[in-house]
Structures are given as C-alpha cells and as structure tokens.
C-alpha cells in the first residue's frame, strides 16, 4: 500500500514538473538529438531540400523563415500554419498576416515527403519547419544553431489568433514589445528577430503609407520605393520591394544599418530606431555583426520553445496540409 502511494506521489511530481504554462517555454521536452535513432538522416534530408529550394529562388529562404515565425506566434510552434483550409475547416493561411503573402508550403510538403520515405510516421511537420528555418538562415550566410526537436503537430488552427497575435507592419514600438512579450520573448529578442528582415521582400500594400506619408524616412529611399508602389490603394498592391535595400539575399546586419539611415521599409522596422528604447540595441547590432548573429540564434531557439505539443499531445501528420 505504501509503495503504491509512493509511486503515485512520484508520478504527480513528474507530471507537475513537465507541465508547462501556455505562454512559457517547455525546454525539458525538446532535445537536439530527439530523432538521432528514429530518423538518423533527418537533418541532411531537410538541408538538401532547402538548399535546392533556395538555390532556385533566394527569396524562398526568407519565406520559410517567416512561416516559422508565423507558426510559433499562434498557439506555439505546432505546424498549425501548414494546415490548408477545407470546406469544413478554416486554418491560418487566409488570416490577414498570411493571405497572399505566406509561401513555401510546397517546399515543406516536399521535405515531408522525402522524410516520410526515410522514416514514415516519425517526424512532425512542426519540427521539419523549425529545421528548414534554421537551414534557410545558414544557407543565406547567417548564424547556425542546434535546433531543439520533439514537437508534435496540432490538429487545430486559429485564424482569429493569427489575426490578433502576429505583429502587423503598422505596429508601434510598444505594440511590438507587447506582442513579443506575450509569447515570452524580450525586447532584445524582438529586435534581434526583426533582423530577419535582412532577407526577403514585402508587398507594396505593407509599405505604401510609409513611403508616401511618413517623415522619418530617407527622401531618396522613399522616392526609390515609390517607383514600384503607386500611391493609390488597389494599384500595384502586390508589387515587391526588398526589406533590406542593400543585400536582400544575404543574411547580415545591414538591416540595422538601414534603420540608422532611416531606410527601414516598413513602419514597424523604423520604429526600432526612432528615438525610443531600442535605438541602442539597433546601434549595437549595426556596429557589431557578431552580437546580432549570436543574439538572433539564441532568440530563434527561445522562440522555438514556445508552447510545443509533446508526448501524446497532437499527432505526427502524414501530410503537412491536413490532419490525419
């Protein structure tokens, strides 16, 4: 009888230790060697596919990285953004931050297919996305880090949460700080992760108001961007411009140099260097590339820890676009 009580007590203690608050990281359950026995060629399989996709189109690296951000900010890094809409299911892909802009789903699907051939039913789509985001950064010249793994895939998605949780390009500094704080990320994490805008492109509809109406913008830069972004809403909305005017296909610290020269493309970009509390962080990353690289890698690991599904929660999807 006493031994049964002891076993029950130990089980309760372990359960309490492993149970995580929704907004906190659950580090103990994710490990860098999670698939070392069950899928030993996982990392090389993902890397080969990402290299192929990015070599075909540099912009795809930024797109995959963005998918990971947008996944983690909506109920954790659970692959929910990958779920397609159906007649009976509304996912996150048509939420305002994702509609007509989220891309790279086909690359993740192709990677999943290759991984399933090697290790059927073992690796989650959420983990594949986390690895692919890291590989995208490395391939474009950015820092490397060991990706913690062991996430499982969500069976649900939330368009409402995607609309409310993902920071908008019109965000103020205080809104950015709040959005990142809500998922356990610090102001410094926020500035470092914003540095992902050193790669990729944005649509005219996201920067039109900035290049025509704002005053804290380099005049020549505003004129340059106006050439491909008509003033009238509905005209040229999808026209693209690089988020980093200097090196949109290279992961470096020039994004922060741009901010110091008032050449941030989005309102939310320039908010990071506009006389506020984050000016000093931007200045530091601009002057010391290694500081940005190390902080970015650390923030990516921290973001990857947001509310993962582990153990028996969720599932391992057979296809990333739909639940089993």
Protein backbone atom coordinates (compact mmCIF):
# COMPACT_ATOMS: atom_id res chain seq x y z
CA UNK A 1 0.00 0.00 0.00
CA UNK A 2 2.79 2.38 0.96
CA UNK A 3 4.69 1.61 -2.23
CA UNK A 4 1.61 2.38 -4.33
CA UNK A 5 1.24 5.74 -2.60
CA UNK A 6 4.92 6.48 -3.20
CA UNK A 7 4.59 5.63 -6.91
CA UNK A 8 1.51 7.84 -7.19
CA UNK A 9 3.32 10.71 -5.46
CA UNK A 10 6.33 10.39 -7.75
CA UNK A 11 4.07 10.35 -10.80
CA UNK A 12 2.33 13.51 -9.59
CA UNK A 13 5.66 15.29 -9.05
CA UNK A 14 6.94 14.36 -12.52
CA UNK A 15 3.65 15.48 -14.10
CA UNK A 16 3.82 18.85 -12.36
CA UNK A 17 7.44 19.34 -13.37
CA UNK A 18 6.71 18.64 -17.02
CA UNK A 19 3.50 20.60 -17.27
CA UNK A 20 4.14 24.00 -18.83
CA UNK A 21 2.21 27.22 -18.75
CA UNK A 22 0.80 28.15 -22.20
CA UNK A 23 2.98 31.22 -22.56
CA UNK A 24 6.15 29.72 -21.18
CA UNK A 25 8.80 27.61 -22.80
CA UNK A 26 8.88 23.89 -22.08
CA UNK A 27 12.55 23.26 -22.62
CA UNK A 28 12.88 19.88 -20.92
CA UNK A 29 10.70 18.15 -23.50
CA UNK A 30 12.63 19.26 -26.61
CA UNK A 31 16.12 17.95 -27.33
CA UNK A 32 18.59 18.41 -30.18
CA UNK A 33 19.03 14.62 -30.58
CA UNK A 34 15.34 13.66 -30.48
CA UNK A 35 15.47 11.78 -33.82
CA UNK A 36 19.08 10.56 -33.68
CA UNK A 37 17.95 6.92 -33.50
CA UNK A 38 14.48 7.04 -35.07
CA UNK A 39 15.46 9.12 -38.13
CA UNK A 40 19.25 9.49 -38.29
CA UNK A 41 19.33 11.13 -41.75
CA UNK A 42 16.68 13.73 -40.94
CA UNK A 43 18.93 16.80 -40.83
CA UNK A 44 20.75 16.02 -44.07
CA UNK A 45 17.45 15.24 -45.82
CA UNK A 46 15.97 18.60 -44.82
CA UNK A 47 19.14 20.52 -45.65
CA UNK A 48 19.39 19.05 -49.14
CA UNK A 49 15.80 20.03 -49.94
CA UNK A 50 16.14 23.55 -48.51
CA UNK A 51 19.38 24.13 -50.43
CA UNK A 52 17.65 23.13 -53.64
CA UNK A 53 14.67 25.41 -52.98
CA UNK A 54 16.79 28.43 -52.01
CA UNK A 55 19.19 27.96 -54.93
CA UNK A 56 16.17 28.03 -57.26
CA UNK A 57 14.85 31.19 -55.60
CA UNK A 58 16.76 33.08 -52.90
CA UNK A 59 13.55 34.61 -51.60
CA UNK A 60 12.32 31.16 -50.54
CA UNK A 61 14.73 31.17 -47.59
CA UNK A 62 13.03 34.24 -46.17
CA UNK A 63 9.60 32.76 -46.88
CA UNK A 64 10.35 29.59 -44.91
CA UNK A 65 11.79 31.60 -42.01
CA UNK A 66 8.64 33.74 -41.99
CA UNK A 67 6.45 30.64 -41.93
CA UNK A 68 8.21 29.52 -38.75
CA UNK A 69 7.69 32.94 -37.09
CA UNK A 70 4.02 32.96 -38.00
CA UNK A 71 3.59 29.39 -36.79
CA UNK A 72 5.19 29.98 -33.39
CA UNK A 73 3.28 33.21 -32.68
CA UNK A 74 -0.09 31.44 -32.98
CA UNK A 75 -0.57 28.97 -30.11
CA UNK A 76 3.06 27.84 -30.26
CA UNK A 77 5.33 26.08 -32.75
CA UNK A 78 2.90 23.34 -33.70
CA UNK A 79 2.71 23.37 -37.50
CA UNK A 80 -0.79 24.86 -37.43
CA UNK A 81 0.06 27.38 -40.17
CA UNK A 82 0.64 24.47 -42.57
CA UNK A 83 -2.96 23.22 -42.39
CA UNK A 84 -4.94 24.01 -45.54
CA UNK A 85 -8.47 25.38 -45.46
CA UNK A 86 -11.22 22.93 -46.43
CA UNK A 87 -14.99 23.18 -46.73
CA UNK A 88 -15.25 22.19 -43.07
CA UNK A 89 -12.03 23.66 -41.65
CA UNK A 90 -10.70 27.22 -41.50
CA UNK A 91 -6.98 27.44 -40.88
CA UNK A 92 -4.48 30.28 -40.58
CA UNK A 93 -3.32 30.64 -44.17
CA UNK A 94 -6.00 33.20 -45.03
CA UNK A 95 -5.59 35.28 -41.89
CA UNK A 96 -4.64 38.89 -42.69
CA UNK A 97 -0.90 38.46 -41.97
CA UNK A 98 -0.72 35.39 -44.22
CA UNK A 99 -3.17 35.94 -47.06
CA UNK A 100 -1.38 36.47 -50.41
CA UNK A 101 1.98 36.54 -48.64
CA UNK A 102 2.70 33.33 -46.73
CA UNK A 103 4.54 30.98 -49.06
CA UNK A 104 6.87 27.99 -49.06
CA UNK A 105 4.20 25.44 -48.18
CA UNK A 106 5.15 23.36 -51.21
CA UNK A 107 8.79 23.23 -50.04
CA UNK A 108 7.74 21.95 -46.61
CA UNK A 109 5.44 19.41 -48.28
CA UNK A 110 8.32 18.19 -50.46
CA UNK A 111 10.61 17.85 -47.45
CA UNK A 112 7.92 15.95 -45.55
CA UNK A 113 7.53 13.57 -48.47
CA UNK A 114 11.27 12.86 -48.52
CA UNK A 115 11.39 12.42 -44.74
CA UNK A 116 8.36 10.06 -44.81
CA UNK A 117 10.16 7.83 -47.29
CA UNK A 118 13.13 7.56 -44.94
CA UNK A 119 11.26 7.47 -41.61
CA UNK A 120 7.50 7.02 -42.04
CA UNK A 121 5.30 8.39 -39.28
CA UNK A 122 8.17 9.63 -37.13
CA UNK A 123 8.95 13.31 -37.75
CA UNK A 124 6.42 16.11 -37.23
CA UNK A 125 5.77 18.87 -39.72
CA UNK A 126 6.37 21.36 -36.89
CA UNK A 127 9.92 20.05 -36.46
CA UNK A 128 10.56 19.99 -40.21
CA UNK A 129 9.60 23.68 -40.36
CA UNK A 130 11.90 24.50 -37.42
CA UNK A 131 14.86 22.78 -39.11
CA UNK A 132 14.10 24.31 -42.51
CA UNK A 133 14.00 27.81 -40.98
CA UNK A 134 17.47 27.30 -39.47
CA UNK A 135 18.85 25.87 -42.72
CA UNK A 136 17.43 28.82 -44.69
CA UNK A 137 19.32 31.28 -42.49
CA UNK A 138 22.58 29.33 -42.71
CA UNK A 139 22.38 28.89 -46.50
CA UNK A 140 21.96 32.66 -46.92
CA UNK A 141 25.04 33.36 -44.80
CA UNK A 142 23.53 33.70 -41.34
CA UNK A 143 24.36 32.05 -38.00
CA UNK A 144 23.93 28.36 -37.21
CA UNK A 145 22.34 26.83 -34.11
CA UNK A 146 21.29 23.42 -32.88
CA UNK A 147 17.54 23.05 -33.37
CA UNK A 148 15.70 21.51 -30.44
CA UNK A 149 13.23 18.86 -31.61
CA UNK A 150 10.38 16.72 -30.35
CA UNK A 151 7.38 18.88 -31.27
CA UNK A 152 4.17 17.25 -32.42
CA UNK A 153 1.63 18.62 -34.88
CA UNK A 154 -1.55 20.44 -33.94
CA UNK A 155 -4.90 19.06 -35.01
CA UNK A 156 -6.39 22.56 -34.98
CA UNK A 157 -5.55 26.07 -36.15
CA UNK A 158 -6.87 29.53 -35.32
CA UNK A 159 -7.41 32.22 -37.91
CA UNK A 160 -8.57 34.58 -35.14
CA UNK A 161 -5.36 34.06 -33.15
CA UNK A 162 -3.28 34.59 -36.30
CA UNK A 163 -5.07 37.90 -36.90
CA UNK A 164 -4.51 39.09 -33.34
CA UNK A 165 -1.12 37.61 -32.37
CA UNK A 166 1.15 38.20 -35.37
CA UNK A 167 2.66 41.73 -35.28
CA UNK A 168 1.43 43.95 -38.12
CA UNK A 169 3.77 46.05 -40.33
CA UNK A 170 1.97 49.13 -38.94
CA UNK A 171 2.87 48.24 -35.33
CA UNK A 172 4.29 50.85 -32.96
CA UNK A 173 7.31 50.06 -30.82
CA UNK A 174 5.13 49.49 -27.76
CA UNK A 175 2.87 47.14 -29.73
CA UNK A 176 5.89 45.17 -30.94
CA UNK A 177 7.28 44.86 -27.43
CA UNK A 178 3.86 43.69 -26.16
CA UNK A 179 3.37 41.15 -28.96
CA UNK A 180 6.73 39.52 -28.31
CA UNK A 181 6.36 39.72 -24.53
CA UNK A 182 3.04 37.87 -24.82
CA UNK A 183 4.92 34.79 -26.07
CA UNK A 184 7.78 35.10 -23.60
CA UNK A 185 10.27 36.99 -25.77
CA UNK A 186 12.17 40.02 -24.50
CA UNK A 187 12.60 43.39 -26.18
CA UNK A 188 16.13 42.40 -27.16
CA UNK A 189 14.80 39.13 -28.63
CA UNK A 190 12.28 41.21 -30.59
CA UNK A 191 14.95 43.48 -32.10
CA UNK A 192 17.20 40.53 -32.94
CA UNK A 193 14.36 38.56 -34.56
CA UNK A 194 13.28 41.65 -36.51
CA UNK A 195 16.72 41.39 -38.10
CA UNK A 196 15.24 38.53 -40.15
CA UNK A 197 14.15 41.40 -42.40
CA UNK A 198 17.71 41.43 -43.71
CA UNK A 199 16.34 38.92 -46.23
CA UNK A 200 13.15 38.70 -48.24
CA UNK A 201 10.66 41.10 -49.75
CA UNK A 202 7.44 42.86 -48.85
CA UNK A 203 4.33 43.86 -50.78
CA UNK A 204 3.55 47.47 -51.69
CA UNK A 205 0.38 47.39 -49.58
CA UNK A 206 2.56 46.93 -46.48
CA UNK A 207 4.82 49.95 -47.06
CA UNK A 208 2.73 52.36 -49.17
CA UNK A 209 1.74 54.59 -46.24
CA UNK A 210 5.34 54.74 -45.02
CA UNK A 211 6.95 55.80 -48.30
CA UNK A 212 4.28 58.42 -49.09
CA UNK A 213 3.23 59.78 -45.70
CA UNK A 214 5.98 59.38 -43.11
CA UNK A 215 8.71 61.90 -42.41
CA UNK A 216 11.30 59.74 -40.62
CA UNK A 217 12.41 58.27 -43.94
CA UNK A 218 15.37 58.96 -46.20
CA UNK A 219 13.99 61.05 -49.10
CA UNK A 220 15.94 59.26 -51.84
CA UNK A 221 14.89 55.89 -50.42
CA UNK A 222 11.23 56.94 -50.34
CA UNK A 223 11.42 58.07 -53.96
CA UNK A 224 13.04 54.77 -54.97
CA UNK A 225 10.30 52.72 -53.35
CA UNK A 226 7.51 54.92 -54.76
CA UNK A 227 8.58 53.98 -58.29
CA UNK A 228 7.27 50.45 -57.87
CA UNK A 229 4.47 51.22 -55.41
CA UNK A 230 1.71 53.52 -56.74
CA UNK A 231 0.10 55.88 -54.24
CA UNK A 232 -3.44 54.68 -54.98
CA UNK A 233 -4.61 51.73 -52.90
CA UNK A 234 -5.56 48.77 -55.07
CA UNK A 235 -2.97 49.70 -57.68
CA UNK A 236 0.19 47.59 -57.56
CA UNK A 237 -0.62 46.21 -54.09
CA UNK A 238 1.35 43.05 -54.76
CA UNK A 239 4.44 44.75 -56.18
CA UNK A 240 7.50 43.63 -54.24
CA UNK A 241 10.45 45.50 -52.74
CA UNK A 242 13.39 44.13 -50.75
CA UNK A 243 13.13 44.57 -46.98
CA UNK A 244 16.89 45.21 -46.99
CA UNK A 245 17.78 47.63 -49.78
CA UNK A 246 21.45 46.64 -49.64
CA UNK A 247 21.52 42.85 -49.58
CA UNK A 248 18.10 41.17 -49.64
CA UNK A 249 19.58 37.76 -50.48
CA UNK A 250 22.29 37.82 -47.79
CA UNK A 251 21.70 37.29 -44.08
CA UNK A 252 23.80 40.03 -42.48
CA UNK A 253 23.44 43.09 -40.22
CA UNK A 254 22.79 45.67 -42.97
CA UNK A 255 19.11 45.80 -41.93
CA UNK A 256 20.22 47.66 -38.80
CA UNK A 257 22.49 49.97 -40.77
CA UNK A 258 19.47 50.80 -42.93
CA UNK A 259 17.41 51.69 -39.87
CA UNK A 260 20.10 54.11 -38.69
CA UNK A 261 19.93 55.77 -42.12
CA UNK A 262 16.10 55.92 -41.98
CA UNK A 263 15.80 53.33 -44.71
CA UNK A 264 13.55 50.86 -42.94
CA UNK A 265 10.93 49.67 -45.44
CA UNK A 266 8.09 49.00 -43.01
CA UNK A 267 6.74 51.36 -40.35
CA UNK A 268 7.40 48.62 -37.78
CA UNK A 269 11.02 48.37 -38.95
CA UNK A 270 11.80 52.06 -38.47
CA UNK A 271 10.06 52.04 -35.09
CA UNK A 272 13.09 50.14 -33.78
CA UNK A 273 15.27 53.20 -34.42
CA UNK A 274 13.17 56.28 -33.93
CA UNK A 275 14.30 57.89 -30.68
CA UNK A 276 12.93 55.09 -28.50
CA UNK A 277 14.20 52.47 -26.06
CA UNK A 278 15.55 50.12 -28.73
CA UNK A 279 17.83 52.62 -30.50
CA UNK A 280 20.84 51.42 -28.53
CA UNK A 281 20.21 47.77 -29.45
CA UNK A 282 19.95 48.67 -33.15
CA UNK A 283 23.15 50.70 -32.89
CA UNK A 284 24.92 47.79 -31.23
CA UNK A 285 23.87 45.29 -33.91
CA UNK A 286 24.85 47.76 -36.63
CA UNK A 287 28.33 48.15 -35.17
CA UNK A 288 28.91 44.54 -34.11
CA UNK A 289 27.66 41.88 -36.54
CA UNK A 290 28.71 39.04 -34.24
CA UNK A 291 26.47 40.40 -31.49
CA UNK A 292 23.47 40.29 -33.83
CA UNK A 293 24.33 36.78 -35.03
CA UNK A 294 24.63 35.31 -31.54
CA UNK A 295 21.51 37.09 -30.24
CA UNK A 296 19.49 36.05 -33.30
CA UNK A 297 20.44 32.39 -32.89
CA UNK A 298 19.61 32.47 -29.17
CA UNK A 299 16.25 34.17 -29.85
CA UNK A 300 15.38 31.60 -32.52
CA UNK A 301 15.99 28.78 -30.04
CA UNK A 302 13.87 30.61 -27.47
CA UNK A 303 11.08 31.20 -29.97
CA UNK A 304 11.18 27.54 -30.97
CA UNK A 305 10.40 26.66 -27.35
CA UNK A 306 7.03 28.44 -27.36
CA UNK A 307 4.27 26.06 -26.22
CA UNK A 308 5.27 22.91 -28.10
CA UNK A 309 2.96 19.92 -28.23
CA UNK A 310 4.90 16.94 -26.86
CA UNK A 311 4.37 13.44 -25.54
CA UNK A 312 0.93 12.24 -26.63
CA UNK A 313 -0.48 15.69 -27.44
CA UNK A 314 -1.27 16.40 -31.09
CA UNK A 315 -0.12 13.96 -33.74
CA UNK A 316 2.54 13.24 -36.36
CA UNK A 317 0.82 14.26 -39.59
CA UNK A 318 1.28 12.11 -42.67
CA UNK A 319 0.73 15.19 -44.87
CA UNK A 320 1.54 18.66 -43.54
CA UNK A 321 -1.51 20.27 -45.12
CA UNK A 322 -4.10 18.19 -43.31
CA UNK A 323 -4.65 16.33 -40.10
CA UNK A 324 -4.65 12.56 -40.00
